[in-house]
Amino acid sequence: MTNLERRFSLQTILAFDATTCAAMGMLLVLASGTIADLTAIQ
């Protein structure tokens, strides 16, 4: 059975998800020029 004390709360999971989404968005914005060059998108 799952130990209930070791489970993460929904709020913690959503905060982690929001943080990773924001980080990925910033990474894509900052690297957009390089990504465009690699994929030959104008």
C-alpha atoms as a PDB file:
ATOM      1  CA  MET A   1       0.000   0.000   0.000  1.00  0.00           C
ATOM      2  CA  THR A   2       1.061   3.597  -0.553  1.00  0.00           C
ATOM      3  CA  ASN A   3       2.467   5.469   2.412  1.00  0.00           C
ATOM      4  CA  LEU A   4       0.163   8.500   2.665  1.00  0.00           C
ATOM      5  CA  GLU A   5       2.799  10.593   4.443  1.00  0.00           C
ATOM      6  CA  ARG A   6       5.127  10.385   1.408  1.00  0.00           C
ATOM      7  CA  ARG A   7       2.563  11.481  -1.182  1.00  0.00           C
ATOM      8  CA  PHE A   8       2.824  14.968  -2.614  1.00  0.00           C
ATOM      9  CA  SER A   9      -0.120  17.323  -2.363  1.00  0.00           C
ATOM     10  CA  LEU A  10      -1.861  18.520  -5.499  1.00  0.00           C
ATOM     11  CA  GLN A  11      -0.709  22.061  -4.763  1.00  0.00           C
ATOM     12  CA  THR A  12       2.932  20.922  -4.700  1.00  0.00           C
ATOM     13  CA  ILE A  13       2.564  19.015  -7.959  1.00  0.00           C
ATOM     14  CA  LEU A  14       0.866  21.962  -9.686  1.00  0.00           C
ATOM     15  CA  ALA A  15       3.532  24.387  -8.450  1.00  0.00           C
ATOM     16  CA  PHE A  16       6.263  22.098  -9.815  1.00  0.00           C
ATOM     17  CA  ASP A  17       4.407  21.796 -13.132  1.00  0.00           C
ATOM     18  CA  ALA A  18       4.005  25.572 -13.408  1.00  0.00           C
ATOM     19  CA  THR A  19       7.685  26.107 -12.668  1.00  0.00           C
ATOM     20  CA  THR A  20       8.826  23.595 -15.285  1.00  0.00           C
ATOM     21  CA  CYS A  21       6.413  25.066 -17.869  1.00  0.00           C
ATOM     22  CA  ALA A  22       7.731  28.579 -17.240  1.00  0.00           C
ATOM     23  CA  ALA A  23      11.336  27.383 -17.456  1.00  0.00           C
ATOM     24  CA  MET A  24      10.679  25.565 -20.741  1.00  0.00           C
ATOM     25  CA  GLY A  25       8.938  28.638 -22.152  1.00  0.00           C
ATOM     26  CA  MET A  26      11.892  30.862 -21.251  1.00  0.00           C
ATOM     27  CA  LEU A  27      14.307  28.331 -22.732  1.00  0.00           C
ATOM     28  CA  LEU A  28      12.360  28.248 -26.005  1.00  0.00           C
ATOM     29  CA  VAL A  29      12.232  32.040 -26.203  1.00  0.00           C
ATOM     30  CA  LEU A  30      15.939  32.414 -25.454  1.00  0.00           C
ATOM     31  CA  ALA A  31      16.974  29.647 -27.849  1.00  0.00           C
ATOM     32  CA  SER A  32      14.515  30.481 -30.642  1.00  0.00           C
ATOM     33  CA  GLY A  33      17.216  31.870 -32.939  1.00  0.00           C
ATOM     34  CA  THR A  34      19.375  28.779 -32.578  1.00  0.00           C
ATOM     35  CA  ILE A  35      16.403  26.476 -33.021  1.00  0.00           C
ATOM     36  CA  ALA A  36      15.341  28.370 -36.168  1.00  0.00           C
ATOM     37  CA  ASP A  37      18.866  28.065 -37.584  1.00  0.00           C
ATOM     38  CA  LEU A  38      18.993  24.345 -36.876  1.00  0.00           C
ATOM     39  CA  THR A  39      15.605  23.667 -38.444  1.00  0.00           C
ATOM     40  CA  ALA A  40      15.996  26.212 -41.292  1.00  0.00           C
ATOM     41  CA  ILE A  41      12.770  27.986 -40.313  1.00  0.00           C
ATOM     42  CA  GLN A  42      12.660  31.601 -41.447  1.00  0.00           C
END
